[in-house]
Amino acid sequence: MPAADGVAMATELNRRADAARTPDDDRTHGERQVDVLLDALLGRGQVAPSDGEVAARAARPSRRTELQVVVDWRTLLGLRDDPAELIGYGSITADDVRAMLAQPGTTLRRLVTIL
């Protein structure tokens, strides 16, 4: 699985597990994660969305994931091909980080340091 997809999946799984918690819910976060994953894979508990919900889903990007990547600016610009570090995942290729940043809806926040 591409790293960006793995991070997006984990982020969404956590978001859904958090959203599934109710005041009287005694399940652990991990148990809620399993339940929402099974719901997504097996279609359990799915209710048909209203027309307004369908339109809202179509209007927004399919996923919104924040990735933290440490990459040299020369590599980012394609002047070098040094590996980048995807925080929480590990080393990724320069091509992978540039491809992630080229995805529609991607926002680049930068922190510049002088070495």
PDB file of N, CA and C in Angstrom:
ATOM      1  N   MET A   1       0.847  -1.169   0.000  1.00  0.00           N
ATOM      2  CA  MET A   1       0.000   0.000   0.000  1.00  0.00           C
ATOM      3  C   MET A   1       0.892   1.232   0.000  1.00  0.00           C
ATOM      4  N   PRO A   2       0.595   2.191  -0.861  1.00  0.00           N
ATOM      5  CA  PRO A   2       1.373   3.434  -0.821  1.00  0.00           C
ATOM      6  C   PRO A   2       1.271   4.093   0.552  1.00  0.00           C
ATOM      7  N   ALA A   3       2.354   4.705   0.978  1.00  0.00           N
ATOM      8  CA  ALA A   3       2.414   5.305   2.311  1.00  0.00           C
ATOM      9  C   ALA A   3       1.295   6.317   2.530  1.00  0.00           C
ATOM     10  N   ALA A   4       1.040   7.172   1.551  1.00  0.00           N
ATOM     11  CA  ALA A   4       0.001   8.193   1.712  1.00  0.00           C
ATOM     12  C   ALA A   4      -1.365   7.548   1.926  1.00  0.00           C
ATOM     13  N   ASP A   5      -1.634   6.459   1.224  1.00  0.00           N
ATOM     14  CA  ASP A   5      -2.908   5.761   1.406  1.00  0.00           C
ATOM     15  C   ASP A   5      -2.985   5.120   2.791  1.00  0.00           C
ATOM     16  N   GLY A   6      -1.880   4.571   3.274  1.00  0.00           N
ATOM     17  CA  GLY A   6      -1.860   3.973   4.605  1.00  0.00           C
ATOM     18  C   GLY A   6      -2.109   4.997   5.698  1.00  0.00           C
ATOM     19  N   VAL A   7      -1.470   6.140   5.585  1.00  0.00           N
ATOM     20  CA  VAL A   7      -1.675   7.207   6.574  1.00  0.00           C
ATOM     21  C   VAL A   7      -3.105   7.717   6.495  1.00  0.00           C
ATOM     22  N   ALA A   8      -3.628   7.892   5.280  1.00  0.00           N
ATOM     23  CA  ALA A   8      -5.012   8.357   5.116  1.00  0.00           C
ATOM     24  C   ALA A   8      -5.993   7.355   5.712  1.00  0.00           C
ATOM     25  N   MET A   9      -5.739   6.064   5.493  1.00  0.00           N
ATOM     26  CA  MET A   9      -6.618   5.032   6.021  1.00  0.00           C
ATOM     27  C   MET A   9      -6.606   5.043   7.547  1.00  0.00           C
ATOM     28  N   ALA A  10      -5.431   5.115   8.148  1.00  0.00           N
ATOM     29  CA  ALA A  10      -5.332   5.129   9.609  1.00  0.00           C
ATOM     30  C   ALA A  10      -6.001   6.368  10.190  1.00  0.00           C
ATOM     31  N   THR A  11      -5.821   7.507   9.543  1.00  0.00           N
ATOM     32  CA  THR A  11      -6.439   8.755  10.011  1.00  0.00           C
ATOM     33  C   THR A  11      -7.955   8.646   9.970  1.00  0.00           C
ATOM     34  N   GLU A  12      -8.484   8.149   8.875  1.00  0.00           N
ATOM     35  CA  GLU A  12      -9.937   8.020   8.737  1.00  0.00           C
ATOM     36  C   GLU A  12     -10.490   6.970   9.692  1.00  0.00           C
ATOM     37  N   LEU A  13      -9.784   5.876   9.878  1.00  0.00           N
ATOM     38  CA  LEU A  13     -10.220   4.839  10.810  1.00  0.00           C
ATOM     39  C   LEU A  13     -10.299   5.409  12.227  1.00  0.00           C
ATOM     40  N   ASN A  14      -9.298   6.181  12.626  1.00  0.00           N
ATOM     41  CA  ASN A  14      -9.318   6.809  13.951  1.00  0.00           C
ATOM     42  C   ASN A  14     -10.451   7.817  14.072  1.00  0.00           C
ATOM     43  N   ARG A  15     -10.667   8.602  13.008  1.00  0.00           N
ATOM     44  CA  ARG A  15     -11.739   9.595  13.029  1.00  0.00           C
ATOM     45  C   ARG A  15     -13.092   8.914  13.210  1.00  0.00           C
ATOM     46  N   ARG A  16     -13.319   7.848  12.460  1.00  0.00           N
ATOM     47  CA  ARG A  16     -14.594   7.140  12.551  1.00  0.00           C
ATOM     48  C   ARG A  16     -14.761   6.442  13.899  1.00  0.00           C
ATOM     49  N   ALA A  17     -13.662   5.889  14.422  1.00  0.00           N
ATOM     50  CA  ALA A  17     -13.731   5.244  15.737  1.00  0.00           C
ATOM     51  C   ALA A  17     -14.075   6.274  16.813  1.00  0.00           C
ATOM     52  N   ASP A  18     -13.481   7.451  16.722  1.00  0.00           N
ATOM     53  CA  ASP A  18     -13.796   8.519  17.680  1.00  0.00           C
ATOM     54  C   ASP A  18     -15.252   8.955  17.543  1.00  0.00           C
ATOM     55  N   ALA A  19     -15.743   9.057  16.308  1.00  0.00           N
ATOM     56  CA  ALA A  19     -17.117   9.487  16.063  1.00  0.00           C
ATOM     57  C   ALA A  19     -18.134   8.437  16.531  1.00  0.00           C
ATOM     58  N   ALA A  20     -17.724   7.174  16.589  1.00  0.00           N
ATOM     59  CA  ALA A  20     -18.628   6.092  16.986  1.00  0.00           C
ATOM     60  C   ALA A  20     -18.803   5.997  18.499  1.00  0.00           C
ATOM     61  N   ARG A  21     -17.994   6.724  19.238  1.00  0.00           N
ATOM     62  CA  ARG A  21     -18.067   6.646  20.705  1.00  0.00           C
ATOM     63  C   ARG A  21     -19.310   7.371  21.214  1.00  0.00           C
ATOM     64  N   THR A  22     -20.024   6.706  22.093  1.00  0.00           N
ATOM     65  CA  THR A  22     -21.194   7.295  22.734  1.00  0.00           C
ATOM     66  C   THR A  22     -20.931   7.354  24.236  1.00  0.00           C
ATOM     67  N   PRO A  23     -21.696   8.163  24.976  1.00  0.00           N
ATOM     68  CA  PRO A  23     -21.439   8.304  26.414  1.00  0.00           C
ATOM     69  C   PRO A  23     -21.461   6.979  27.188  1.00  0.00           C
ATOM     70  N   ASP A  24     -22.311   6.044  26.792  1.00  0.00           N
ATOM     71  CA  ASP A  24     -22.394   4.767  27.516  1.00  0.00           C
ATOM     72  C   ASP A  24     -21.582   3.649  26.850  1.00  0.00           C
ATOM     73  N   ASP A  25     -20.706   3.996  25.926  1.00  0.00           N
ATOM     74  CA  ASP A  25     -19.907   3.017  25.179  1.00  0.00           C
ATOM     75  C   ASP A  25     -18.720   2.570  26.025  1.00  0.00           C
ATOM     76  N   ASP A  26     -18.645   1.275  26.306  1.00  0.00           N
ATOM     77  CA  ASP A  26     -17.532   0.774  27.105  1.00  0.00           C
ATOM     78  C   ASP A  26     -16.457   0.092  26.256  1.00  0.00           C
ATOM     79  N   ARG A  27     -16.587   0.196  24.924  1.00  0.00           N
ATOM     80  CA  ARG A  27     -15.565  -0.379  24.049  1.00  0.00           C
ATOM     81  C   ARG A  27     -14.297   0.467  24.098  1.00  0.00           C
ATOM     82  N   THR A  28     -13.160  -0.189  23.909  1.00  0.00           N
ATOM     83  CA  THR A  28     -11.900   0.544  23.801  1.00  0.00           C
ATOM     84  C   THR A  28     -11.830   1.183  22.414  1.00  0.00           C
ATOM     85  N   HIS A  29     -10.867   2.091  22.244  1.00  0.00           N
ATOM     86  CA  HIS A  29     -10.677   2.717  20.932  1.00  0.00           C
ATOM     87  C   HIS A  29     -10.399   1.639  19.878  1.00  0.00           C
ATOM     88  N   GLY A  30      -9.566   0.669  20.213  1.00  0.00           N
ATOM     89  CA  GLY A  30      -9.248  -0.414  19.281  1.00  0.00           C
ATOM     90  C   GLY A  30     -10.467  -1.232  18.906  1.00  0.00           C
ATOM     91  N   GLU A  31     -11.348  -1.486  19.861  1.00  0.00           N
ATOM     92  CA  GLU A  31     -12.573  -2.236  19.560  1.00  0.00           C
ATOM     93  C   GLU A  31     -13.490  -1.439  18.640  1.00  0.00           C
ATOM     94  N   ARG A  32     -13.552  -0.120  18.864  1.00  0.00           N
ATOM     95  CA  ARG A  32     -14.346   0.723  17.957  1.00  0.00           C
ATOM     96  C   ARG A  32     -13.723   0.750  16.563  1.00  0.00           C
ATOM     97  N   GLN A  33     -12.383   0.768  16.484  1.00  0.00           N
ATOM     98  CA  GLN A  33     -11.716   0.721  15.178  1.00  0.00           C
ATOM     99  C   GLN A  33     -12.109  -0.542  14.419  1.00  0.00           C
ATOM    100  N   VAL A  34     -12.081  -1.682  15.097  1.00  0.00           N
ATOM    101  CA  VAL A  34     -12.455  -2.952  14.453  1.00  0.00           C
ATOM    102  C   VAL A  34     -13.895  -2.884  13.970  1.00  0.00           C
ATOM    103  N   ASP A  35     -14.785  -2.373  14.806  1.00  0.00           N
ATOM    104  CA  ASP A  35     -16.195  -2.295  14.423  1.00  0.00           C
ATOM    105  C   ASP A  35     -16.413  -1.406  13.204  1.00  0.00           C
ATOM    106  N   VAL A  36     -15.789  -0.226  13.173  1.00  0.00           N
ATOM    107  CA  VAL A  36     -16.003   0.660  12.022  1.00  0.00           C
ATOM    108  C   VAL A  36     -15.330   0.103  10.768  1.00  0.00           C
ATOM    109  N   LEU A  37     -14.220  -0.608  10.929  1.00  0.00           N
ATOM    110  CA  LEU A  37     -13.585  -1.243   9.766  1.00  0.00           C
ATOM    111  C   LEU A  37     -14.487  -2.332   9.199  1.00  0.00           C
ATOM    112  N   LEU A  38     -15.045  -3.162  10.068  1.00  0.00           N
ATOM    113  CA  LEU A  38     -15.977  -4.195   9.602  1.00  0.00           C
ATOM    114  C   LEU A  38     -17.207  -3.578   8.957  1.00  0.00           C
ATOM    115  N   ASP A  39     -17.713  -2.491   9.549  1.00  0.00           N
ATOM    116  CA  ASP A  39     -18.858  -1.797   8.946  1.00  0.00           C
ATOM    117  C   ASP A  39     -18.530  -1.328   7.532  1.00  0.00           C
ATOM    118  N   ALA A  40     -17.336  -0.757   7.366  1.00  0.00           N
ATOM    119  CA  ALA A  40     -16.942  -0.239   6.051  1.00  0.00           C
ATOM    120  C   ALA A  40     -16.740  -1.367   5.041  1.00  0.00           C
ATOM    121  N   LEU A  41     -16.115  -2.446   5.468  1.00  0.00           N
ATOM    122  CA  LEU A  41     -15.821  -3.545   4.543  1.00  0.00           C
ATOM    123  C   LEU A  41     -17.037  -4.395   4.223  1.00  0.00           C
ATOM    124  N   LEU A  42     -17.886  -4.592   5.209  1.00  0.00           N
ATOM    125  CA  LEU A  42     -19.017  -5.491   5.033  1.00  0.00           C
ATOM    126  C   LEU A  42     -20.342  -4.769   4.820  1.00  0.00           C
ATOM    127  N   GLY A  43     -20.318  -3.421   4.886  1.00  0.00           N
ATOM    128  CA  GLY A  43     -21.523  -2.648   4.638  1.00  0.00           C
ATOM    129  C   GLY A  43     -22.557  -2.743   5.743  1.00  0.00           C
ATOM    130  N   ARG A  44     -22.143  -3.147   6.918  1.00  0.00           N
ATOM    131  CA  ARG A  44     -23.091  -3.252   8.038  1.00  0.00           C
ATOM    132  C   ARG A  44     -23.467  -1.855   8.515  1.00  0.00           C
ATOM    133  N   GLY A  45     -24.710  -1.690   8.857  1.00  0.00           N
ATOM    134  CA  GLY A  45     -25.162  -0.441   9.459  1.00  0.00           C
ATOM    135  C   GLY A  45     -25.174   0.738   8.505  1.00  0.00           C
ATOM    136  N   GLN A  46     -25.064   0.478   7.214  1.00  0.00           N
ATOM    137  CA  GLN A  46     -25.044   1.567   6.246  1.00  0.00           C
ATOM    138  C   GLN A  46     -26.469   2.018   5.943  1.00  0.00           C
ATOM    139  N   VAL A  47     -26.682   3.306   5.976  1.00  0.00           N
ATOM    140  CA  VAL A  47     -27.971   3.896   5.623  1.00  0.00           C
ATOM    141  C   VAL A  47     -27.755   4.676   4.340  1.00  0.00           C
ATOM    142  N   ALA A  48     -28.691   4.556   3.413  1.00  0.00           N
ATOM    143  CA  ALA A  48     -28.555   5.281   2.147  1.00  0.00           C
ATOM    144  C   ALA A  48     -28.507   6.782   2.416  1.00  0.00           C
ATOM    145  N   PRO A  49     -27.538   7.479   1.856  1.00  0.00           N
ATOM    146  CA  PRO A  49     -27.446   8.921   2.082  1.00  0.00           C
ATOM    147  C   PRO A  49     -28.563   9.667   1.368  1.00  0.00           C
ATOM    148  N   SER A  50     -28.937  10.806   1.930  1.00  0.00           N
ATOM    149  CA  SER A  50     -29.947  11.648   1.293  1.00  0.00           C
ATOM    150  C   SER A  50     -29.321  12.317   0.069  1.00  0.00           C
ATOM    151  N   ASP A  51     -30.163  12.945  -0.767  1.00  0.00           N
ATOM    152  CA  ASP A  51     -29.656  13.650  -1.942  1.00  0.00           C
ATOM    153  C   ASP A  51     -28.686  14.754  -1.546  1.00  0.00           C
ATOM    154  N   GLY A  52     -29.002  15.460  -0.448  1.00  0.00           N
ATOM    155  CA  GLY A  52     -28.118  16.527   0.018  1.00  0.00           C
ATOM    156  C   GLY A  52     -26.764  15.995   0.447  1.00  0.00           C
ATOM    157  N   GLU A  53     -26.741  14.822   1.111  1.00  0.00           N
ATOM    158  CA  GLU A  53     -25.476  14.216   1.535  1.00  0.00           C
ATOM    159  C   GLU A  53     -24.657  13.772   0.326  1.00  0.00           C
ATOM    160  N   VAL A  54     -25.324  13.229  -0.683  1.00  0.00           N
ATOM    161  CA  VAL A  54     -24.622  12.804  -1.903  1.00  0.00           C
ATOM    162  C   VAL A  54     -23.973  14.012  -2.566  1.00  0.00           C
ATOM    163  N   ALA A  55     -24.702  15.119  -2.674  1.00  0.00           N
ATOM    164  CA  ALA A  55     -24.166  16.328  -3.292  1.00  0.00           C
ATOM    165  C   ALA A  55     -22.997  16.876  -2.474  1.00  0.00           C
ATOM    166  N   ALA A  56     -23.110  16.842  -1.149  1.00  0.00           N
ATOM    167  CA  ALA A  56     -22.027  17.346  -0.289  1.00  0.00           C
ATOM    168  C   ALA A  56     -20.778  16.495  -0.449  1.00  0.00           C
ATOM    169  N   ARG A  57     -20.947  15.187  -0.534  1.00  0.00           N
ATOM    170  CA  ARG A  57     -19.795  14.297  -0.716  1.00  0.00           C
ATOM    171  C   ARG A  57     -19.120  14.536  -2.067  1.00  0.00           C
ATOM    172  N   ALA A  58     -19.925  14.770  -3.095  1.00  0.00           N
ATOM    173  CA  ALA A  58     -19.365  14.996  -4.427  1.00  0.00           C
ATOM    174  C   ALA A  58     -18.607  16.317  -4.489  1.00  0.00           C
ATOM    175  N   ALA A  59     -19.011  17.286  -3.672  1.00  0.00           N
ATOM    176  CA  ALA A  59     -18.398  18.611  -3.717  1.00  0.00           C
ATOM    177  C   ALA A  59     -17.068  18.688  -2.976  1.00  0.00           C
ATOM    178  N   ARG A  60     -16.801  17.746  -2.091  1.00  0.00           N
ATOM    179  CA  ARG A  60     -15.557  17.805  -1.318  1.00  0.00           C
ATOM    180  C   ARG A  60     -14.583  16.736  -1.804  1.00  0.00           C
ATOM    181  N   PRO A  61     -13.297  16.907  -1.540  1.00  0.00           N
ATOM    182  CA  PRO A  61     -12.329  15.891  -1.938  1.00  0.00           C
ATOM    183  C   PRO A  61     -12.649  14.559  -1.282  1.00  0.00           C
ATOM    184  N   SER A  62     -12.223  13.460  -1.900  1.00  0.00           N
ATOM    185  CA  SER A  62     -12.545  12.141  -1.381  1.00  0.00           C
ATOM    186  C   SER A  62     -11.884  11.869  -0.038  1.00  0.00           C
ATOM    187  N   ARG A  63     -10.747  12.508   0.224  1.00  0.00           N
ATOM    188  CA  ARG A  63     -10.115  12.340   1.522  1.00  0.00           C
ATOM    189  C   ARG A  63      -9.289  13.580   1.835  1.00  0.00           C
ATOM    190  N   ARG A  64      -9.137  13.816   3.109  1.00  0.00           N
ATOM    191  CA  ARG A  64      -8.307  14.935   3.556  1.00  0.00           C
ATOM    192  C   ARG A  64      -7.377  14.363   4.603  1.00  0.00           C
ATOM    193  N   THR A  65      -6.130  14.319   4.281  1.00  0.00           N
ATOM    194  CA  THR A  65      -5.138  13.723   5.155  1.00  0.00           C
ATOM    195  C   THR A  65      -3.966  14.660   5.307  1.00  0.00           C
ATOM    196  N   GLU A  66      -3.503  14.816   6.520  1.00  0.00           N
ATOM    197  CA  GLU A  66      -2.321  15.632   6.750  1.00  0.00           C
ATOM    198  C   GLU A  66      -1.121  14.715   6.900  1.00  0.00           C
ATOM    199  N   LEU A  67      -0.163  14.888   6.004  1.00  0.00           N
ATOM    200  CA  LEU A  67       1.074  14.124   6.048  1.00  0.00           C
ATOM    201  C   LEU A  67       2.200  15.039   6.477  1.00  0.00           C
ATOM    202  N   GLN A  68       3.047  14.541   7.314  1.00  0.00           N
ATOM    203  CA  GLN A  68       4.219  15.302   7.730  1.00  0.00           C
ATOM    204  C   GLN A  68       5.438  14.667   7.072  1.00  0.00           C
ATOM    205  N   VAL A  69       6.055  15.427   6.184  1.00  0.00           N
ATOM    206  CA  VAL A  69       7.186  14.930   5.408  1.00  0.00           C
ATOM    207  C   VAL A  69       8.373  15.862   5.615  1.00  0.00           C
ATOM    208  N   VAL A  70       9.522  15.273   5.873  1.00  0.00           N
ATOM    209  CA  VAL A  70      10.766  16.028   5.951  1.00  0.00           C
ATOM    210  C   VAL A  70      11.511  15.760   4.649  1.00  0.00           C
ATOM    211  N   VAL A  71      11.716  16.834   3.880  1.00  0.00           N
ATOM    212  CA  VAL A  71      12.347  16.682   2.576  1.00  0.00           C
ATOM    213  C   VAL A  71      13.233  17.903   2.305  1.00  0.00           C
ATOM    214  N   ASP A  72      14.357  17.652   1.690  1.00  0.00           N
ATOM    215  CA  ASP A  72      15.269  18.720   1.294  1.00  0.00           C
ATOM    216  C   ASP A  72      14.624  19.531   0.167  1.00  0.00           C
ATOM    217  N   TRP A  73      14.751  20.838   0.190  1.00  0.00           N
ATOM    218  CA  TRP A  73      14.101  21.678  -0.814  1.00  0.00           C
ATOM    219  C   TRP A  73      14.594  21.380  -2.220  1.00  0.00           C
ATOM    220  N   ARG A  74      15.855  20.981  -2.345  1.00  0.00           N
ATOM    221  CA  ARG A  74      16.380  20.653  -3.675  1.00  0.00           C
ATOM    222  C   ARG A  74      15.699  19.392  -4.223  1.00  0.00           C
ATOM    223  N   THR A  75      15.450  18.449  -3.340  1.00  0.00           N
ATOM    224  CA  THR A  75      14.740  17.230  -3.736  1.00  0.00           C
ATOM    225  C   THR A  75      13.300  17.556  -4.099  1.00  0.00           C
ATOM    226  N   LEU A  76      12.675  18.403  -3.314  1.00  0.00           N
ATOM    227  CA  LEU A  76      11.299  18.802  -3.571  1.00  0.00           C
ATOM    228  C   LEU A  76      11.153  19.430  -4.957  1.00  0.00           C
ATOM    229  N   LEU A  77      12.145  20.231  -5.346  1.00  0.00           N
ATOM    230  CA  LEU A  77      12.111  20.890  -6.653  1.00  0.00           C
ATOM    231  C   LEU A  77      12.590  20.006  -7.796  1.00  0.00           C
ATOM    232  N   GLY A  78      13.043  18.795  -7.477  1.00  0.00           N
ATOM    233  CA  GLY A  78      13.509  17.881  -8.517  1.00  0.00           C
ATOM    234  C   GLY A  78      14.957  18.078  -8.902  1.00  0.00           C
ATOM    235  N   LEU A  79      15.697  18.865  -8.127  1.00  0.00           N
ATOM    236  CA  LEU A  79      17.110  19.095  -8.416  1.00  0.00           C
ATOM    237  C   LEU A  79      17.986  17.963  -7.871  1.00  0.00           C
ATOM    238  N   ARG A  80      17.473  17.237  -6.890  1.00  0.00           N
ATOM    239  CA  ARG A  80      18.152  16.085  -6.305  1.00  0.00           C
ATOM    240  C   ARG A  80      17.110  14.992  -6.107  1.00  0.00           C
ATOM    241  N   ASP A  81      17.572  13.799  -5.786  1.00  0.00           N
ATOM    242  CA  ASP A  81      16.666  12.674  -5.548  1.00  0.00           C
ATOM    243  C   ASP A  81      16.933  12.009  -4.206  1.00  0.00           C
ATOM    244  N   ASP A  82      17.250  12.812  -3.177  1.00  0.00           N
ATOM    245  CA  ASP A  82      17.461  12.269  -1.839  1.00  0.00           C
ATOM    246  C   ASP A  82      16.138  11.753  -1.289  1.00  0.00           C
ATOM    247  N   PRO A  83      16.180  10.695  -0.477  1.00  0.00           N
ATOM    248  CA  PRO A  83      14.926  10.209   0.114  1.00  0.00           C
ATOM    249  C   PRO A  83      14.345  11.230   1.093  1.00  0.00           C
ATOM    250  N   ALA A  84      13.065  11.139   1.304  1.00  0.00           N
ATOM    251  CA  ALA A  84      12.358  11.979   2.271  1.00  0.00           C
ATOM    252  C   ALA A  84      11.947  11.097   3.448  1.00  0.00           C
ATOM    253  N   GLU A  85      11.545  11.728   4.533  1.00  0.00           N
ATOM    254  CA  GLU A  85      11.087  11.003   5.714  1.00  0.00           C
ATOM    255  C   GLU A  85       9.615  11.320   5.932  1.00  0.00           C
ATOM    256  N   LEU A  86       8.759  10.308   5.823  1.00  0.00           N
ATOM    257  CA  LEU A  86       7.338  10.459   6.116  1.00  0.00           C
ATOM    258  C   LEU A  86       7.167  10.123   7.595  1.00  0.00           C
ATOM    259  N   ILE A  87       6.850  11.123   8.390  1.00  0.00           N
ATOM    260  CA  ILE A  87       6.764  10.956   9.835  1.00  0.00           C
ATOM    261  C   ILE A  87       5.706   9.908  10.171  1.00  0.00           C
ATOM    262  N   GLY A  88       6.091   8.969  11.020  1.00  0.00           N
ATOM    263  CA  GLY A  88       5.197   7.885  11.413  1.00  0.00           C
ATOM    264  C   GLY A  88       5.241   6.700  10.478  1.00  0.00           C
ATOM    265  N   TYR A  89       6.036   6.792   9.409  1.00  0.00           N
ATOM    266  CA  TYR A  89       6.112   5.713   8.425  1.00  0.00           C
ATOM    267  C   TYR A  89       7.553   5.315   8.164  1.00  0.00           C
ATOM    268  N   GLY A  90       8.367   6.277   7.772  1.00  0.00           N
ATOM    269  CA  GLY A  90       9.764   5.997   7.468  1.00  0.00           C
ATOM    270  C   GLY A  90      10.187   6.658   6.175  1.00  0.00           C
ATOM    271  N   SER A  91      11.242   6.145   5.614  1.00  0.00           N
ATOM    272  CA  SER A  91      11.828   6.718   4.408  1.00  0.00           C
ATOM    273  C   SER A  91      10.948   6.434   3.188  1.00  0.00           C
ATOM    274  N   ILE A  92      10.802   7.451   2.336  1.00  0.00           N
ATOM    275  CA  ILE A  92      10.089   7.296   1.068  1.00  0.00           C
ATOM    276  C   ILE A  92      10.949   7.932  -0.024  1.00  0.00           C
ATOM    277  N   THR A  93      10.710   7.537  -1.245  1.00  0.00           N
ATOM    278  CA  THR A  93      11.518   8.049  -2.349  1.00  0.00           C
ATOM    279  C   THR A  93      11.144   9.488  -2.680  1.00  0.00           C
ATOM    280  N   ALA A  94      12.063  10.164  -3.325  1.00  0.00           N
ATOM    281  CA  ALA A  94      11.814  11.535  -3.777  1.00  0.00           C
ATOM    282  C   ALA A  94      10.624  11.567  -4.736  1.00  0.00           C
ATOM    283  N   ASP A  95      10.539  10.585  -5.627  1.00  0.00           N
ATOM    284  CA  ASP A  95       9.407  10.526  -6.558  1.00  0.00           C
ATOM    285  C   ASP A  95       8.079  10.382  -5.818  1.00  0.00           C
ATOM    286  N   ASP A  96       8.068   9.575  -4.737  1.00  0.00           N
ATOM    287  CA  ASP A  96       6.831   9.385  -3.970  1.00  0.00           C
ATOM    288  C   ASP A  96       6.376  10.672  -3.313  1.00  0.00           C
ATOM    289  N   VAL A  97       7.313  11.411  -2.702  1.00  0.00           N
ATOM    290  CA  VAL A  97       6.916  12.646  -2.030  1.00  0.00           C
ATOM    291  C   VAL A  97       6.451  13.686  -3.050  1.00  0.00           C
ATOM    292  N   ARG A  98       7.105  13.754  -4.192  1.00  0.00           N
ATOM    293  CA  ARG A  98       6.659  14.708  -5.219  1.00  0.00           C
ATOM    294  C   ARG A  98       5.292  14.316  -5.777  1.00  0.00           C
ATOM    295  N   ALA A  99       5.023  13.016  -5.915  1.00  0.00           N
ATOM    296  CA  ALA A  99       3.720  12.555  -6.396  1.00  0.00           C
ATOM    297  C   ALA A  99       2.624  12.875  -5.376  1.00  0.00           C
ATOM    298  N   MET A 100       2.916  12.697  -4.089  1.00  0.00           N
ATOM    299  CA  MET A 100       1.935  13.032  -3.056  1.00  0.00           C
ATOM    300  C   MET A 100       1.587  14.513  -3.101  1.00  0.00           C
ATOM    301  N   LEU A 101       2.588  15.338  -3.282  1.00  0.00           N
ATOM    302  CA  LEU A 101       2.359  16.779  -3.301  1.00  0.00           C
ATOM    303  C   LEU A 101       1.651  17.239  -4.566  1.00  0.00           C
ATOM    304  N   ALA A 102       1.677  16.425  -5.604  1.00  0.00           N
ATOM    305  CA  ALA A 102       1.014  16.784  -6.862  1.00  0.00           C
ATOM    306  C   ALA A 102      -0.467  16.424  -6.859  1.00  0.00           C
ATOM    307  N   GLN A 103      -0.941  15.720  -5.818  1.00  0.00           N
ATOM    308  CA  GLN A 103      -2.344  15.322  -5.757  1.00  0.00           C
ATOM    309  C   GLN A 103      -3.234  16.552  -5.594  1.00  0.00           C
ATOM    310  N   PRO A 104      -4.381  16.583  -6.283  1.00  0.00           N
ATOM    311  CA  PRO A 104      -5.311  17.709  -6.142  1.00  0.00           C
ATOM    312  C   PRO A 104      -5.721  17.892  -4.683  1.00  0.00           C
ATOM    313  N   GLY A 105      -5.798  19.129  -4.264  1.00  0.00           N
ATOM    314  CA  GLY A 105      -6.213  19.434  -2.902  1.00  0.00           C
ATOM    315  C   GLY A 105      -5.100  19.409  -1.883  1.00  0.00           C
ATOM    316  N   THR A 106      -3.887  19.099  -2.305  1.00  0.00           N
ATOM    317  CA  THR A 106      -2.764  19.035  -1.372  1.00  0.00           C
ATOM    318  C   THR A 106      -2.334  20.443  -0.974  1.00  0.00           C
ATOM    319  N   THR A 107      -2.101  20.612   0.309  1.00  0.00           N
ATOM    320  CA  THR A 107      -1.600  21.877   0.832  1.00  0.00           C
ATOM    321  C   THR A 107      -0.199  21.633   1.359  1.00  0.00           C
ATOM    322  N   LEU A 108       0.706  22.486   0.987  1.00  0.00           N
ATOM    323  CA  LEU A 108       2.088  22.394   1.454  1.00  0.00           C
ATOM    324  C   LEU A 108       2.319  23.458   2.502  1.00  0.00           C
ATOM    325  N   ARG A 109       2.619  23.012   3.720  1.00  0.00           N
ATOM    326  CA  ARG A 109       3.022  23.923   4.783  1.00  0.00           C
ATOM    327  C   ARG A 109       4.519  23.703   4.962  1.00  0.00           C
ATOM    328  N   ARG A 110       5.235  24.752   5.103  1.00  0.00           N
ATOM    329  CA  ARG A 110       6.672  24.585   5.139  1.00  0.00           C
ATOM    330  C   ARG A 110       7.283  25.198   6.389  1.00  0.00           C
ATOM    331  N   LEU A 111       8.357  24.569   6.785  1.00  0.00           N
ATOM    332  CA  LEU A 111       9.199  25.073   7.852  1.00  0.00           C
ATOM    333  C   LEU A 111      10.589  25.101   7.265  1.00  0.00           C
ATOM    334  N   VAL A 112      11.169  26.265   7.186  1.00  0.00           N
ATOM    335  CA  VAL A 112      12.485  26.420   6.578  1.00  0.00           C
ATOM    336  C   VAL A 112      13.522  26.557   7.686  1.00  0.00           C
ATOM    337  N   THR A 113      14.563  25.766   7.574  1.00  0.00           N
ATOM    338  CA  THR A 113      15.657  25.879   8.520  1.00  0.00           C
ATOM    339  C   THR A 113      16.936  26.159   7.742  1.00  0.00           C
ATOM    340  N   ILE A 114      17.839  26.821   8.358  1.00  0.00           N
ATOM    341  CA  ILE A 114      19.135  27.108   7.751  1.00  0.00           C
ATOM    342  C   ILE A 114      20.140  26.172   8.408  1.00  0.00           C
ATOM    343  N   LEU A 115      20.761  25.370   7.615  1.00  0.00           N
ATOM    344  CA  LEU A 115      21.758  24.436   8.149  1.00  0.00           C
ATOM    345  C   LEU A 115      23.151  24.906   7.871  1.00  0.00           C
TER     346      LEU A 115
END
